[in-house]
Amino acid sequence: MNPEPALLYSRPMFFRGQIIGKYKILATIGSGGFGTVYLAEDTWIDKKVALKVPHKQGVDFGELLREPRLLATLNHPNIVAIHTAEKQENVFFIVMEFVPGETLEAIIARDGALDVTIALDYTCQICNAVDYAHRHGVLHRDLRPSNMLVTERGQLKVADFGTSRFLEIAAHGTTVIGSPPYMAPEQFRGKAVFASDLYSVGVTMYQMLTGVMPYDSPAPADFDRLMRGELLSPPRRKNPKISKAINDVVLKAMAPEIRSRYQHASELVDRACSGFRQCQQKRGWGAVMR
């Protein structure tokens, strides 16, 4: 029986100007619980890329490659593309598309509640990405605004498909995967299904439409109240500009029971995009009247 690989908890750090294989480090983009992301240049083709370096190194390399191989087959305009995964100087990292722009989290922090039409536009793009991934058998499990990048032209791209897979391997299945404020109730019990991602989309919709979270991160003692729906108040109460139809879409996406939620991302796409078109039509009619 082969012993399990030892996990290295030291955080490998690259520095500006450092050459790692064919990549030249240009800057640090950010760091989170999973790892650090660097802006780099692929010196062979003069192209900027993003390198994501997990904090935990030493996990079986062959096992880690399964997810990047799958994710590299995902080709969608609303998903941050993964180009490859490499190991240089004993450091494992993922090479991804570099998306110039800012996170949806930063946009909400700066602007508060977004214009309803913009929020629905972003929702449609998020749902299109999730629907495509689900159709290819890929579950995200950690959807949240900090994992969503928005370009200057308003194109939204979802990042970190597969990050949760790495964390699951690294933790040997002992850690609940996700970000508590965005997690579906079943995720607190270690279960994640496609509808769990849709719950996270619902929380993100709520935050975009109101500028605030639907509730604080649930404590263990709050789980029964979460399942009874006692922690959630309708978003329309916090933003009267939200139509009843959109209010109901958010509440259905965030239904505590899996069976009461949207079961497929395509359903949520249809509802959100229908609401988006209705908002556009109302605004167009209002412009005509003026």
C-alpha atoms as a PDB file:
ATOM      1  CA  MET A   1       0.000   0.000   0.000  1.00  0.00           C
ATOM      2  CA  ASN A   2       1.468   3.333  -1.033  1.00  0.00           C
ATOM      3  CA  PRO A   3       1.582   5.993   1.661  1.00  0.00           C
ATOM      4  CA  GLU A   4      -0.486   9.133   1.093  1.00  0.00           C
ATOM      5  CA  PRO A   5       1.578  12.071  -0.149  1.00  0.00           C
ATOM      6  CA  ALA A   6       2.482  14.551   2.534  1.00  0.00           C
ATOM      7  CA  LEU A   7       0.848  17.936   2.195  1.00  0.00           C
ATOM      8  CA  LEU A   8       3.122  20.934   2.215  1.00  0.00           C
ATOM      9  CA  TYR A   9       1.472  23.842   3.976  1.00  0.00           C
ATOM     10  CA  SER A  10       4.112  26.406   3.067  1.00  0.00           C
ATOM     11  CA  ARG A  11       2.833  28.948   0.580  1.00  0.00           C
ATOM     12  CA  PRO A  12       5.087  29.054  -2.493  1.00  0.00           C
ATOM     13  CA  MET A  13       5.587  32.661  -3.495  1.00  0.00           C
ATOM     14  CA  PHE A  14       6.688  33.973  -6.858  1.00  0.00           C
ATOM     15  CA  PHE A  15       8.121  37.453  -7.235  1.00  0.00           C
ATOM     16  CA  ARG A  16       7.962  40.065  -9.951  1.00  0.00           C
ATOM     17  CA  GLY A  17      10.389  39.350 -12.777  1.00  0.00           C
ATOM     18  CA  GLN A  18      10.878  35.718 -11.779  1.00  0.00           C
ATOM     19  CA  ILE A  19      10.990  33.200 -14.630  1.00  0.00           C
ATOM     20  CA  ILE A  20       9.086  29.954 -14.037  1.00  0.00           C
ATOM     21  CA  GLY A  21       9.528  27.723 -17.037  1.00  0.00           C
ATOM     22  CA  LYS A  22       8.328  29.812 -19.971  1.00  0.00           C
ATOM     23  CA  TYR A  23       6.365  32.218 -17.728  1.00  0.00           C
ATOM     24  CA  LYS A  24       7.594  35.576 -16.481  1.00  0.00           C
ATOM     25  CA  ILE A  25       5.854  36.852 -13.341  1.00  0.00           C
ATOM     26  CA  LEU A  26       4.544  40.400 -13.843  1.00  0.00           C
ATOM     27  CA  ALA A  27       2.483  41.044 -10.694  1.00  0.00           C
ATOM     28  CA  THR A  28       0.400  39.484  -7.933  1.00  0.00           C
ATOM     29  CA  ILE A  29      -3.318  39.660  -8.737  1.00  0.00           C
ATOM     30  CA  GLY A  30      -4.645  38.378  -5.437  1.00  0.00           C
ATOM     31  CA  SER A  31      -4.620  35.667  -2.805  1.00  0.00           C
ATOM     32  CA  GLY A  32      -7.353  33.654  -1.130  1.00  0.00           C
ATOM     33  CA  GLY A  33      -7.988  30.476   0.795  1.00  0.00           C
ATOM     34  CA  PHE A  34      -7.114  28.280  -2.194  1.00  0.00           C
ATOM     35  CA  GLY A  35      -3.976  29.956  -3.435  1.00  0.00           C
ATOM     36  CA  THR A  36      -2.323  32.988  -4.985  1.00  0.00           C
ATOM     37  CA  VAL A  37      -2.974  34.235  -8.507  1.00  0.00           C
ATOM     38  CA  TYR A  38      -0.224  35.929 -10.496  1.00  0.00           C
ATOM     39  CA  LEU A  39      -0.277  37.882 -13.720  1.00  0.00           C
ATOM     40  CA  ALA A  40       2.374  36.397 -15.963  1.00  0.00           C
ATOM     41  CA  GLU A  41       3.587  36.523 -19.532  1.00  0.00           C
ATOM     42  CA  ASP A  42       3.952  33.438 -21.657  1.00  0.00           C
ATOM     43  CA  THR A  43       7.302  34.375 -23.153  1.00  0.00           C
ATOM     44  CA  TRP A  44       6.970  31.905 -26.010  1.00  0.00           C
ATOM     45  CA  ILE A  45       3.896  33.572 -27.518  1.00  0.00           C
ATOM     46  CA  ASP A  46       3.999  37.018 -25.819  1.00  0.00           C
ATOM     47  CA  LYS A  47       0.607  36.548 -24.185  1.00  0.00           C
ATOM     48  CA  LYS A  48      -0.564  37.499 -20.696  1.00  0.00           C
ATOM     49  CA  VAL A  49      -1.954  34.654 -18.596  1.00  0.00           C
ATOM     50  CA  ALA A  50      -2.958  34.093 -14.982  1.00  0.00           C
ATOM     51  CA  LEU A  51      -1.115  31.529 -12.869  1.00  0.00           C
ATOM     52  CA  LYS A  52      -2.978  30.095  -9.901  1.00  0.00           C
ATOM     53  CA  VAL A  53      -0.633  28.534  -7.351  1.00  0.00           C
ATOM     54  CA  PRO A  54      -2.344  26.450  -4.618  1.00  0.00           C
ATOM     55  CA  HIS A  55      -1.138  27.059  -1.082  1.00  0.00           C
ATOM     56  CA  LYS A  56      -1.119  23.327  -0.420  1.00  0.00           C
ATOM     57  CA  GLN A  57       1.483  21.547  -2.488  1.00  0.00           C
ATOM     58  CA  GLY A  58       2.463  17.897  -2.463  1.00  0.00           C
ATOM     59  CA  VAL A  59      -0.951  16.464  -3.358  1.00  0.00           C
ATOM     60  CA  ASP A  60      -0.662  13.585  -5.846  1.00  0.00           C
ATOM     61  CA  PHE A  61       0.078  15.282  -9.169  1.00  0.00           C
ATOM     62  CA  GLY A  62      -1.664  12.679 -11.301  1.00  0.00           C
ATOM     63  CA  GLU A  63      -4.859  13.030  -9.271  1.00  0.00           C
ATOM     64  CA  LEU A  64      -4.761  16.806  -9.546  1.00  0.00           C
ATOM     65  CA  LEU A  65      -4.494  16.659 -13.320  1.00  0.00           C
ATOM     66  CA  ARG A  66      -7.868  14.975 -13.706  1.00  0.00           C
ATOM     67  CA  GLU A  67      -9.846  18.162 -13.116  1.00  0.00           C
ATOM     68  CA  PRO A  68      -7.718  20.539 -15.242  1.00  0.00           C
ATOM     69  CA  ARG A  69      -7.936  18.029 -18.093  1.00  0.00           C
ATOM     70  CA  LEU A  70     -11.719  18.094 -17.861  1.00  0.00           C
ATOM     71  CA  LEU A  71     -11.914  21.859 -17.414  1.00  0.00           C
ATOM     72  CA  ALA A  72      -9.605  22.469 -20.351  1.00  0.00           C
ATOM     73  CA  THR A  73     -12.360  21.017 -22.545  1.00  0.00           C
ATOM     74  CA  LEU A  74     -14.832  23.694 -21.383  1.00  0.00           C
ATOM     75  CA  ASN A  75     -15.050  26.383 -24.032  1.00  0.00           C
ATOM     76  CA  HIS A  76     -17.623  29.039 -23.194  1.00  0.00           C
ATOM     77  CA  PRO A  77     -17.507  32.852 -23.373  1.00  0.00           C
ATOM     78  CA  ASN A  78     -18.672  33.150 -19.757  1.00  0.00           C
ATOM     79  CA  ILE A  79     -16.119  30.742 -18.255  1.00  0.00           C
ATOM     80  CA  VAL A  80     -12.496  31.628 -17.536  1.00  0.00           C
ATOM     81  CA  ALA A  81     -10.551  29.217 -19.712  1.00  0.00           C
ATOM     82  CA  ILE A  82      -7.957  26.881 -18.250  1.00  0.00           C
ATOM     83  CA  HIS A  83      -5.060  26.430 -20.648  1.00  0.00           C
ATOM     84  CA  THR A  84      -2.994  23.836 -18.830  1.00  0.00           C
ATOM     85  CA  ALA A  85      -1.537  22.712 -15.509  1.00  0.00           C
ATOM     86  CA  GLU A  86       2.180  22.515 -14.908  1.00  0.00           C
ATOM     87  CA  LYS A  87       4.764  21.677 -12.315  1.00  0.00           C
ATOM     88  CA  GLN A  88       7.932  23.740 -12.374  1.00  0.00           C
ATOM     89  CA  GLU A  89      10.627  23.830  -9.696  1.00  0.00           C
ATOM     90  CA  ASN A  90       8.469  21.439  -7.657  1.00  0.00           C
ATOM     91  CA  VAL A  91       5.560  23.903  -7.626  1.00  0.00           C
ATOM     92  CA  PHE A  92       2.183  22.903  -9.097  1.00  0.00           C
ATOM     93  CA  PHE A  93       0.155  25.672 -10.754  1.00  0.00           C
ATOM     94  CA  ILE A  94      -2.754  26.137 -13.139  1.00  0.00           C
ATOM     95  CA  VAL A  95      -2.404  28.361 -16.209  1.00  0.00           C
ATOM     96  CA  MET A  96      -5.590  30.276 -16.953  1.00  0.00           C
ATOM     97  CA  GLU A  97      -6.959  32.938 -19.242  1.00  0.00           C
ATOM     98  CA  PHE A  98      -6.184  36.436 -17.950  1.00  0.00           C
ATOM     99  CA  VAL A  99      -9.361  38.525 -17.754  1.00  0.00           C
ATOM    100  CA  PRO A 100      -8.745  42.285 -17.413  1.00  0.00           C
ATOM    101  CA  GLY A 101     -11.474  43.828 -15.303  1.00  0.00           C
ATOM    102  CA  GLU A 102     -12.771  43.624 -11.747  1.00  0.00           C
ATOM    103  CA  THR A 103     -14.624  41.104  -9.654  1.00  0.00           C
ATOM    104  CA  LEU A 104     -18.374  41.281  -9.224  1.00  0.00           C
ATOM    105  CA  GLU A 105     -17.655  41.433  -5.497  1.00  0.00           C
ATOM    106  CA  ALA A 106     -15.708  44.680  -5.973  1.00  0.00           C
ATOM    107  CA  ILE A 107     -18.485  46.149  -8.128  1.00  0.00           C
ATOM    108  CA  ILE A 108     -21.156  45.427  -5.483  1.00  0.00           C
ATOM    109  CA  ALA A 109     -18.915  46.745  -2.692  1.00  0.00           C
ATOM    110  CA  ARG A 110     -18.448  49.998  -4.628  1.00  0.00           C
ATOM    111  CA  ASP A 111     -21.928  50.508  -6.103  1.00  0.00           C
ATOM    112  CA  GLY A 112     -24.245  48.729  -3.684  1.00  0.00           C
ATOM    113  CA  ALA A 113     -27.455  47.463  -5.247  1.00  0.00           C
ATOM    114  CA  LEU A 114     -26.995  47.249  -9.002  1.00  0.00           C
ATOM    115  CA  ASP A 115     -29.452  48.509 -11.555  1.00  0.00           C
ATOM    116  CA  VAL A 116     -32.013  45.714 -11.970  1.00  0.00           C
ATOM    117  CA  THR A 117     -31.330  45.399 -15.700  1.00  0.00           C
ATOM    118  CA  ILE A 118     -27.576  45.100 -15.114  1.00  0.00           C
ATOM    119  CA  ALA A 119     -28.083  42.575 -12.299  1.00  0.00           C
ATOM    120  CA  LEU A 120     -30.289  40.447 -14.551  1.00  0.00           C
ATOM    121  CA  ASP A 121     -27.799  40.717 -17.417  1.00  0.00           C
ATOM    122  CA  TYR A 122     -25.047  39.428 -15.127  1.00  0.00           C
ATOM    123  CA  THR A 123     -27.373  36.707 -13.843  1.00  0.00           C
ATOM    124  CA  CYS A 124     -28.051  35.506 -17.392  1.00  0.00           C
ATOM    125  CA  GLN A 125     -24.307  35.320 -18.082  1.00  0.00           C
ATOM    126  CA  ILE A 126     -23.637  33.459 -14.827  1.00  0.00           C
ATOM    127  CA  CYS A 127     -26.443  31.003 -15.537  1.00  0.00           C
ATOM    128  CA  ASN A 128     -25.250  30.415 -19.092  1.00  0.00           C
ATOM    129  CA  ALA A 129     -21.816  29.492 -17.718  1.00  0.00           C
ATOM    130  CA  VAL A 130     -23.250  27.221 -15.026  1.00  0.00           C
ATOM    131  CA  ASP A 131     -25.679  25.571 -17.454  1.00  0.00           C
ATOM    132  CA  TYR A 132     -22.848  24.824 -19.889  1.00  0.00           C
ATOM    133  CA  ALA A 133     -20.629  23.399 -17.129  1.00  0.00           C
ATOM    134  CA  HIS A 134     -23.430  21.271 -15.695  1.00  0.00           C
ATOM    135  CA  ARG A 135     -24.187  19.852 -19.135  1.00  0.00           C
ATOM    136  CA  HIS A 136     -20.564  18.740 -19.222  1.00  0.00           C
ATOM    137  CA  GLY A 137     -20.821  17.182 -15.784  1.00  0.00           C
ATOM    138  CA  VAL A 138     -18.854  19.889 -13.954  1.00  0.00           C
ATOM    139  CA  LEU A 139     -20.110  21.181 -10.605  1.00  0.00           C
ATOM    140  CA  HIS A 140     -18.627  24.411  -9.235  1.00  0.00           C
ATOM    141  CA  ARG A 141     -19.567  24.208  -5.516  1.00  0.00           C
ATOM    142  CA  ASP A 142     -18.148  27.632  -4.642  1.00  0.00           C
ATOM    143  CA  LEU A 143     -20.007  30.188  -6.771  1.00  0.00           C
ATOM    144  CA  ARG A 144     -19.751  33.710  -5.379  1.00  0.00           C
ATOM    145  CA  PRO A 145     -19.095  37.254  -6.658  1.00  0.00           C
ATOM    146  CA  SER A 146     -15.370  37.084  -5.876  1.00  0.00           C
ATOM    147  CA  ASN A 147     -15.126  34.225  -8.404  1.00  0.00           C
ATOM    148  CA  MET A 148     -16.806  36.266 -11.135  1.00  0.00           C
ATOM    149  CA  LEU A 149     -14.873  38.708 -13.323  1.00  0.00           C
ATOM    150  CA  VAL A 150     -16.458  41.548 -15.291  1.00  0.00           C
ATOM    151  CA  THR A 151     -14.694  43.218 -18.206  1.00  0.00           C
ATOM    152  CA  GLU A 152     -15.031  46.882 -19.146  1.00  0.00           C
ATOM    153  CA  ARG A 153     -17.499  45.857 -21.847  1.00  0.00           C
ATOM    154  CA  GLY A 154     -19.746  44.133 -19.324  1.00  0.00           C
ATOM    155  CA  GLN A 155     -18.844  40.552 -20.175  1.00  0.00           C
ATOM    156  CA  LEU A 156     -18.898  38.338 -17.094  1.00  0.00           C
ATOM    157  CA  LYS A 157     -16.713  35.258 -16.736  1.00  0.00           C
ATOM    158  CA  VAL A 158     -16.985  32.692 -13.959  1.00  0.00           C
ATOM    159  CA  ALA A 159     -13.676  31.462 -12.555  1.00  0.00           C
ATOM    160  CA  ASP A 160     -12.530  28.626 -10.319  1.00  0.00           C
ATOM    161  CA  PHE A 161     -14.467  25.708 -11.751  1.00  0.00           C
ATOM    162  CA  GLY A 162     -12.483  22.824 -10.310  1.00  0.00           C
ATOM    163  CA  THR A 163     -10.917  24.660  -7.366  1.00  0.00           C
ATOM    164  CA  SER A 164     -13.256  22.846  -5.007  1.00  0.00           C
ATOM    165  CA  ARG A 165     -12.076  19.537  -6.488  1.00  0.00           C
ATOM    166  CA  PHE A 166      -8.510  20.399  -5.504  1.00  0.00           C
ATOM    167  CA  LEU A 167      -9.583  21.322  -1.984  1.00  0.00           C
ATOM    168  CA  GLU A 168     -11.525  18.090  -1.650  1.00  0.00           C
ATOM    169  CA  ILE A 169      -8.454  16.049  -2.632  1.00  0.00           C
ATOM    170  CA  ALA A 170      -6.158  18.099  -0.401  1.00  0.00           C
ATOM    171  CA  ALA A 171      -8.444  17.680   2.584  1.00  0.00           C
ATOM    172  CA  HIS A 172      -9.009  13.969   1.884  1.00  0.00           C
ATOM    173  CA  GLY A 173     -12.761  14.547   1.983  1.00  0.00           C
ATOM    174  CA  THR A 174     -12.810  15.845   5.554  1.00  0.00           C
ATOM    175  CA  THR A 175     -13.576  19.494   4.821  1.00  0.00           C
ATOM    176  CA  VAL A 176     -16.879  21.068   3.801  1.00  0.00           C
ATOM    177  CA  ILE A 177     -16.275  22.782   0.468  1.00  0.00           C
ATOM    178  CA  GLY A 178     -17.705  26.241  -0.242  1.00  0.00           C
ATOM    179  CA  SER A 179     -18.098  29.724   1.179  1.00  0.00           C
ATOM    180  CA  PRO A 180     -20.684  29.668   4.021  1.00  0.00           C
ATOM    181  CA  PRO A 181     -22.642  32.808   3.037  1.00  0.00           C
ATOM    182  CA  TYR A 182     -23.285  31.315  -0.418  1.00  0.00           C
ATOM    183  CA  MET A 183     -23.599  27.631   0.448  1.00  0.00           C
ATOM    184  CA  ALA A 184     -26.806  25.670   0.037  1.00  0.00           C
ATOM    185  CA  PRO A 185     -28.043  23.972   3.234  1.00  0.00           C
ATOM    186  CA  GLU A 186     -27.040  20.506   2.016  1.00  0.00           C
ATOM    187  CA  GLN A 187     -23.453  21.662   1.523  1.00  0.00           C
ATOM    188  CA  PHE A 188     -23.103  22.174   5.268  1.00  0.00           C
ATOM    189  CA  ARG A 189     -23.632  18.424   5.525  1.00  0.00           C
ATOM    190  CA  GLY A 190     -21.009  17.630   2.906  1.00  0.00           C
ATOM    191  CA  LYS A 191     -23.444  17.071   0.024  1.00  0.00           C
ATOM    192  CA  ALA A 192     -23.348  19.039  -3.236  1.00  0.00           C
ATOM    193  CA  VAL A 193     -25.590  18.600  -6.285  1.00  0.00           C
ATOM    194  CA  PHE A 194     -26.254  20.713  -9.376  1.00  0.00           C
ATOM    195  CA  ALA A 195     -29.068  22.501  -7.540  1.00  0.00           C
ATOM    196  CA  SER A 196     -26.511  23.541  -4.901  1.00  0.00           C
ATOM    197  CA  ASP A 197     -24.823  25.748  -7.504  1.00  0.00           C
ATOM    198  CA  LEU A 198     -28.203  27.289  -8.334  1.00  0.00           C
ATOM    199  CA  TYR A 199     -28.705  28.166  -4.665  1.00  0.00           C
ATOM    200  CA  SER A 200     -25.383  30.027  -4.773  1.00  0.00           C
ATOM    201  CA  VAL A 201     -26.539  31.849  -7.911  1.00  0.00           C
ATOM    202  CA  GLY A 202     -29.682  32.834  -6.020  1.00  0.00           C
ATOM    203  CA  VAL A 203     -27.623  34.311  -3.173  1.00  0.00           C
ATOM    204  CA  THR A 204     -25.522  36.205  -5.719  1.00  0.00           C
ATOM    205  CA  MET A 205     -28.699  37.531  -7.394  1.00  0.00           C
ATOM    206  CA  TYR A 206     -29.985  38.661  -4.004  1.00  0.00           C
ATOM    207  CA  GLN A 207     -26.744  40.505  -3.297  1.00  0.00           C
ATOM    208  CA  MET A 208     -26.669  42.185  -6.718  1.00  0.00           C
ATOM    209  CA  LEU A 209     -30.299  43.310  -6.464  1.00  0.00           C
ATOM    210  CA  THR A 210     -30.160  44.587  -2.867  1.00  0.00           C
ATOM    211  CA  GLY A 211     -26.492  45.366  -2.205  1.00  0.00           C
ATOM    212  CA  VAL A 212     -26.548  43.196   0.927  1.00  0.00           C
ATOM    213  CA  MET A 213     -26.405  39.516   1.822  1.00  0.00           C
ATOM    214  CA  PRO A 214     -29.697  37.719   2.480  1.00  0.00           C
ATOM    215  CA  TYR A 215     -28.445  36.694   5.929  1.00  0.00           C
ATOM    216  CA  ASP A 216     -25.237  36.368   7.930  1.00  0.00           C
ATOM    217  CA  SER A 217     -23.197  33.187   7.621  1.00  0.00           C
ATOM    218  CA  PRO A 218     -25.388  30.593   9.358  1.00  0.00           C
ATOM    219  CA  ALA A 219     -24.069  29.210  12.637  1.00  0.00           C
ATOM    220  CA  PRO A 220     -24.635  25.510  13.381  1.00  0.00           C
ATOM    221  CA  ALA A 221     -27.484  26.488  15.694  1.00  0.00           C
ATOM    222  CA  ASP A 222     -29.166  28.348  12.810  1.00  0.00           C
ATOM    223  CA  PHE A 223     -29.401  25.357  10.486  1.00  0.00           C
ATOM    224  CA  ASP A 224     -32.991  24.440  11.398  1.00  0.00           C
ATOM    225  CA  ARG A 225     -34.077  28.056  10.940  1.00  0.00           C
ATOM    226  CA  LEU A 226     -32.324  28.112   7.563  1.00  0.00           C
ATOM    227  CA  MET A 227     -34.205  24.988   6.500  1.00  0.00           C
ATOM    228  CA  ARG A 228     -37.504  26.550   7.609  1.00  0.00           C
ATOM    229  CA  GLY A 229     -36.739  29.680   5.587  1.00  0.00           C
ATOM    230  CA  GLU A 230     -36.737  31.892   8.680  1.00  0.00           C
ATOM    231  CA  LEU A 231     -33.385  33.544   7.886  1.00  0.00           C
ATOM    232  CA  LEU A 232     -34.452  34.781   4.465  1.00  0.00           C
ATOM    233  CA  SER A 233     -36.566  37.858   3.775  1.00  0.00           C
ATOM    234  CA  PRO A 234     -37.772  38.589   0.223  1.00  0.00           C
ATOM    235  CA  PRO A 235     -35.350  40.839  -1.690  1.00  0.00           C
ATOM    236  CA  ARG A 236     -38.257  43.034  -2.765  1.00  0.00           C
ATOM    237  CA  ARG A 237     -38.569  44.261   0.809  1.00  0.00           C
ATOM    238  CA  LYS A 238     -35.064  45.710   0.551  1.00  0.00           C
ATOM    239  CA  ASN A 239     -35.398  47.021  -2.996  1.00  0.00           C
ATOM    240  CA  PRO A 240     -38.938  47.879  -4.178  1.00  0.00           C
ATOM    241  CA  LYS A 241     -37.648  48.280  -7.750  1.00  0.00           C
ATOM    242  CA  ILE A 242     -37.508  44.490  -7.972  1.00  0.00           C
ATOM    243  CA  SER A 243     -40.593  43.077  -9.673  1.00  0.00           C
ATOM    244  CA  LYS A 244     -42.595  40.319  -8.007  1.00  0.00           C
ATOM    245  CA  ALA A 245     -41.579  37.954 -10.800  1.00  0.00           C
ATOM    246  CA  ILE A 246     -37.857  38.495 -10.183  1.00  0.00           C
ATOM    247  CA  ASN A 247     -38.399  38.378  -6.426  1.00  0.00           C
ATOM    248  CA  ASP A 248     -39.996  34.953  -6.854  1.00  0.00           C
ATOM    249  CA  VAL A 249     -37.119  33.751  -9.065  1.00  0.00           C
ATOM    250  CA  VAL A 250     -34.606  34.566  -6.320  1.00  0.00           C
ATOM    251  CA  LEU A 251     -36.708  32.882  -3.626  1.00  0.00           C
ATOM    252  CA  LYS A 252     -37.159  29.730  -5.705  1.00  0.00           C
ATOM    253  CA  ALA A 253     -33.413  29.562  -6.441  1.00  0.00           C
ATOM    254  CA  MET A 254     -32.801  29.829  -2.685  1.00  0.00           C
ATOM    255  CA  ALA A 255     -35.423  27.313  -1.584  1.00  0.00           C
ATOM    256  CA  PRO A 256     -33.979  25.359   1.375  1.00  0.00           C
ATOM    257  CA  GLU A 257     -35.233  22.003   0.093  1.00  0.00           C
ATOM    258  CA  ILE A 258     -33.451  20.751  -3.009  1.00  0.00           C
ATOM    259  CA  ARG A 259     -36.664  19.510  -4.606  1.00  0.00           C
ATOM    260  CA  SER A 260     -38.260  22.967  -4.285  1.00  0.00           C
ATOM    261  CA  ARG A 261     -35.399  24.666  -6.132  1.00  0.00           C
ATOM    262  CA  TYR A 262     -34.701  24.973  -9.829  1.00  0.00           C
ATOM    263  CA  GLN A 263     -33.278  21.610 -10.841  1.00  0.00           C
ATOM    264  CA  HIS A 264     -31.510  22.753 -13.983  1.00  0.00           C
ATOM    265  CA  ALA A 265     -29.588  25.927 -14.719  1.00  0.00           C
ATOM    266  CA  SER A 266     -31.487  26.238 -17.999  1.00  0.00           C
ATOM    267  CA  GLU A 267     -34.679  26.888 -16.003  1.00  0.00           C
ATOM    268  CA  LEU A 268     -33.034  29.722 -14.130  1.00  0.00           C
ATOM    269  CA  VAL A 269     -31.561  31.073 -17.383  1.00  0.00           C
ATOM    270  CA  ASP A 270     -35.050  31.213 -18.908  1.00  0.00           C
ATOM    271  CA  ARG A 271     -36.580  33.018 -15.914  1.00  0.00           C
ATOM    272  CA  ALA A 272     -33.722  35.499 -15.481  1.00  0.00           C
ATOM    273  CA  CYS A 273     -33.394  36.309 -19.172  1.00  0.00           C
ATOM    274  CA  SER A 274     -37.161  36.713 -19.484  1.00  0.00           C
ATOM    275  CA  GLY A 275     -37.033  39.248 -16.649  1.00  0.00           C
ATOM    276  CA  PHE A 276     -34.095  40.990 -18.339  1.00  0.00           C
ATOM    277  CA  ARG A 277     -36.032  41.339 -21.607  1.00  0.00           C
ATOM    278  CA  GLN A 278     -39.084  42.666 -19.779  1.00  0.00           C
ATOM    279  CA  CYS A 279     -36.967  45.336 -18.058  1.00  0.00           C
ATOM    280  CA  GLN A 280     -35.488  46.355 -21.398  1.00  0.00           C
ATOM    281  CA  GLN A 281     -38.920  46.574 -23.001  1.00  0.00           C
ATOM    282  CA  LYS A 282     -40.282  48.721 -20.164  1.00  0.00           C
ATOM    283  CA  ARG A 283     -37.330  51.071 -20.429  1.00  0.00           C
ATOM    284  CA  GLY A 284     -37.705  51.266 -24.185  1.00  0.00           C
ATOM    285  CA  TRP A 285     -41.414  52.061 -23.849  1.00  0.00           C
ATOM    286  CA  GLY A 286     -40.629  54.673 -21.199  1.00  0.00           C
ATOM    287  CA  ALA A 287     -38.139  56.346 -23.552  1.00  0.00           C
ATOM    288  CA  VAL A 288     -40.786  56.438 -26.299  1.00  0.00           C
ATOM    289  CA  MET A 289     -43.336  57.998 -23.926  1.00  0.00           C
ATOM    290  CA  ARG A 290     -40.868  60.706 -22.931  1.00  0.00           C
END
